[in-house]
C-alpha atoms as a PDB file:
ATOM      1  CA  MET A   1    -127.066  11.778 -78.776  1.00  0.00           C
ATOM      2  CA  THR A   2    -129.806   9.970 -77.263  1.00  0.00           C
ATOM      3  CA  GLN A   3    -129.057   7.777 -74.012  1.00  0.00           C
ATOM      4  CA  PRO A   4    -129.076   4.058 -74.638  1.00  0.00           C
ATOM      5  CA  ALA A   5    -131.839   2.089 -72.903  1.00  0.00           C
ATOM      6  CA  ARG A   6    -131.201   0.212 -69.875  1.00  0.00           C
ATOM      7  CA  ALA A   7    -130.746  -3.526 -70.350  1.00  0.00           C
ATOM      8  CA  ALA A   8    -131.041  -6.925 -68.398  1.00  0.00           C
ATOM      9  CA  GLY A   9    -128.628  -9.896 -68.974  1.00  0.00           C
ATOM     10  CA  ALA A  10    -125.104  -9.265 -69.513  1.00  0.00           C
ATOM     11  CA  CYS A  11    -122.484  -7.558 -71.714  1.00  0.00           C
ATOM     12  CA  CYS A  12    -122.225  -9.383 -75.005  1.00  0.00           C
ATOM     13  CA  VAL A  13    -118.404  -8.427 -75.299  1.00  0.00           C
ATOM     14  CA  CYS A  14    -116.857  -9.095 -71.597  1.00  0.00           C
ATOM     15  CA  GLY A  15    -120.081 -10.839 -69.776  1.00  0.00           C
ATOM     16  CA  ALA A  16    -120.328  -8.393 -66.936  1.00  0.00           C
ATOM     17  CA  GLY A  17    -123.786  -8.899 -65.368  1.00  0.00           C
ATOM     18  CA  ASP A  18    -124.336  -5.890 -63.002  1.00  0.00           C
ATOM     19  CA  THR A  19    -127.612  -4.612 -64.414  1.00  0.00           C
ATOM     20  CA  ARG A  20    -126.793  -1.184 -63.254  1.00  0.00           C
ATOM     21  CA  ALA A  21    -123.849  -0.780 -65.688  1.00  0.00           C
ATOM     22  CA  LEU A  22    -125.713  -2.343 -68.561  1.00  0.00           C
ATOM     23  CA  VAL A  23    -127.332  -0.444 -71.526  1.00  0.00           C
ATOM     24  CA  GLU A  24    -128.761  -1.795 -74.770  1.00  0.00           C
ATOM     25  CA  VAL A  25    -127.590  -0.286 -78.030  1.00  0.00           C
ATOM     26  CA  SER A  26    -128.811  -0.426 -81.664  1.00  0.00           C
ATOM     27  CA  LEU A  27    -126.359  -1.699 -84.277  1.00  0.00           C
ATOM     28  CA  THR A  28    -126.442  -0.641 -87.992  1.00  0.00           C
ATOM     29  CA  GLY A  29    -129.345  -2.630 -89.520  1.00  0.00           C
ATOM     30  CA  GLY A  30    -131.612  -2.613 -86.469  1.00  0.00           C
ATOM     31  CA  ALA A  31    -130.046  -5.425 -84.372  1.00  0.00           C
ATOM     32  CA  ARG A  32    -129.789  -4.750 -80.584  1.00  0.00           C
ATOM     33  CA  ALA A  33    -127.070  -5.689 -78.286  1.00  0.00           C
ATOM     34  CA  THR A  34    -126.465  -5.469 -74.539  1.00  0.00           C
ATOM     35  CA  LEU A  35    -123.086  -3.843 -73.454  1.00  0.00           C
ATOM     36  CA  CYS A  36    -121.546  -2.589 -70.062  1.00  0.00           C
ATOM     37  CA  GLY A  37    -120.822   1.063 -69.596  1.00  0.00           C
ATOM     38  CA  SER A  38    -117.257   0.654 -70.759  1.00  0.00           C
ATOM     39  CA  HIS A  39    -118.176  -1.437 -73.960  1.00  0.00           C
ATOM     40  CA  ALA A  40    -121.017   1.170 -74.730  1.00  0.00           C
ATOM     41  CA  LEU A  41    -118.566   4.006 -74.596  1.00  0.00           C
ATOM     42  CA  MET A  42    -116.154   2.140 -76.949  1.00  0.00           C
ATOM     43  CA  HIS A  43    -119.030   1.376 -79.085  1.00  0.00           C
ATOM     44  CA  SER A  44    -120.025   5.109 -79.192  1.00  0.00           C
ATOM     45  CA  ARG A  45    -116.467   6.013 -79.907  1.00  0.00           C
ATOM     46  CA  ALA A  46    -115.907   3.282 -82.697  1.00  0.00           C
ATOM     47  CA  ARG A  47    -115.045   4.570 -86.303  1.00  0.00           C
ATOM     48  CA  ALA A  48    -116.779   1.751 -87.904  1.00  0.00           C
ATOM     49  CA  ALA A  49    -120.328   0.586 -87.273  1.00  0.00           C
ATOM     50  CA  ALA A  50    -121.019  -2.884 -86.243  1.00  0.00           C
ATOM     51  CA  HIS A  51    -123.716  -4.769 -87.890  1.00  0.00           C
ATOM     52  CA  THR A  52    -123.990  -7.851 -85.963  1.00  0.00           C
ATOM     53  CA  VAL A  53    -123.106  -8.738 -82.327  1.00  0.00           C
ATOM     54  CA  ALA A  54    -120.492 -11.115 -83.468  1.00  0.00           C
ATOM     55  CA  GLU A  55    -118.917  -8.004 -85.380  1.00  0.00           C
ATOM     56  CA  LEU A  56    -119.198  -5.968 -82.414  1.00  0.00           C
ATOM     57  CA  ARG A  57    -117.487  -8.459 -80.067  1.00  0.00           C
ATOM     58  CA  THR A  58    -114.566  -8.635 -82.642  1.00  0.00           C
ATOM     59  CA  GLN A  59    -114.412  -4.510 -82.583  1.00  0.00           C
ATOM     60  CA  LEU A  60    -114.568  -4.258 -78.903  1.00  0.00           C
ATOM     61  CA  ARG A  61    -112.601  -7.268 -77.593  1.00  0.00           C
ATOM     62  CA  ASP A  62    -109.864  -6.631 -75.318  1.00  0.00           C
ATOM     63  CA  ARG A  63    -106.900  -5.334 -77.396  1.00  0.00           C
ATOM     64  CA  ARG A  64    -104.249  -5.226 -74.746  1.00  0.00           C
ATOM     65  CA  GLY A  65    -101.742  -8.027 -74.643  1.00  0.00           C
ATOM     66  CA  ARG A  66    -101.537 -10.452 -71.792  1.00  0.00           C
ATOM     67  CA  ARG A  67     -97.933 -10.510 -71.268  1.00  0.00           C
ATOM     68  CA  ASP A  68     -96.566  -9.944 -67.819  1.00  0.00           C
ATOM     69  CA  ARG A  69     -94.781  -6.602 -67.929  1.00  0.00           C
ATOM     70  CA  ARG A  70     -93.617  -6.815 -64.124  1.00  0.00           C
ATOM     71  CA  GLU A  71     -90.331  -8.042 -65.255  1.00  0.00           C
ATOM     72  CA  GLU A  72     -89.414  -5.197 -67.726  1.00  0.00           C
ATOM     73  CA  GLY A  73     -87.723  -2.781 -65.186  1.00  0.00           C
ATOM     74  CA  ASP A  74     -90.169  -0.070 -64.469  1.00  0.00           C
ATOM     75  CA  ALA A  75     -88.230   2.595 -62.425  1.00  0.00           C
ATOM     76  CA  LEU A  76     -91.499   3.887 -60.941  1.00  0.00           C
ATOM     77  CA  GLY A  77     -92.375   0.159 -59.869  1.00  0.00           C
ATOM     78  CA  ASP A  78     -88.848  -0.309 -58.659  1.00  0.00           C
ATOM     79  CA  ALA A  79     -89.160   2.669 -56.241  1.00  0.00           C
ATOM     80  CA  LEU A  80     -92.555   1.778 -55.182  1.00  0.00           C
ATOM     81  CA  THR A  81     -91.216  -1.778 -54.335  1.00  0.00           C
ATOM     82  CA  ALA A  82     -88.148  -0.444 -52.339  1.00  0.00           C
ATOM     83  CA  ALA A  83     -90.427   1.908 -50.480  1.00  0.00           C
ATOM     84  CA  PHE A  84     -93.202  -0.888 -49.327  1.00  0.00           C
ATOM     85  CA  ASN A  85     -91.013  -3.880 -49.212  1.00  0.00           C
ATOM     86  CA  GLY A  86     -90.470  -3.890 -45.321  1.00  0.00           C
ATOM     87  CA  ASP A  87     -86.491  -4.314 -45.424  1.00  0.00           C
ATOM     88  CA  ARG A  88     -85.799  -0.599 -45.539  1.00  0.00           C
ATOM     89  CA  ARG A  89     -84.928  -0.644 -41.786  1.00  0.00           C
ATOM     90  CA  GLY A  90     -81.454  -2.312 -40.802  1.00  0.00           C
ATOM     91  CA  PRO A  91     -81.451  -5.480 -39.065  1.00  0.00           C
ATOM     92  CA  GLY A  92     -82.550  -5.587 -35.412  1.00  0.00           C
ATOM     93  CA  ARG A  93     -83.982  -2.020 -35.875  1.00  0.00           C
ATOM     94  CA  ARG A  94     -87.809  -1.796 -35.575  1.00  0.00           C
ATOM     95  CA  GLY A  95     -90.036   1.154 -35.222  1.00  0.00           C
ATOM     96  CA  SER A  96     -90.509   0.609 -31.614  1.00  0.00           C
ATOM     97  CA  ASP A  97     -86.712   0.664 -30.844  1.00  0.00           C
ATOM     98  CA  ALA A  98     -86.327   4.251 -32.257  1.00  0.00           C
ATOM     99  CA  GLY A  99     -85.847   6.656 -29.798  1.00  0.00           C
END
């Protein structure tokens, strides 16, 4: 597999503009697109080849849901919150009071 060429501008999927992470890729049919490293990796692993930039955007868009999952009751999250919430010492007991 050949290395994609460096590109300027911004990722056509997410808009990332750090030129150090941008590459130019060829789409089926000869069209070219600029992608960030993450989307270039996704493009290289895609099962179906994109023919246009619009098709590429649809293929690679963020598929994760935007719902807030903090209220779902995560056991690890609860343990970390309990460990770092600052209320683990009893009232009137500070780190400098121990001794």
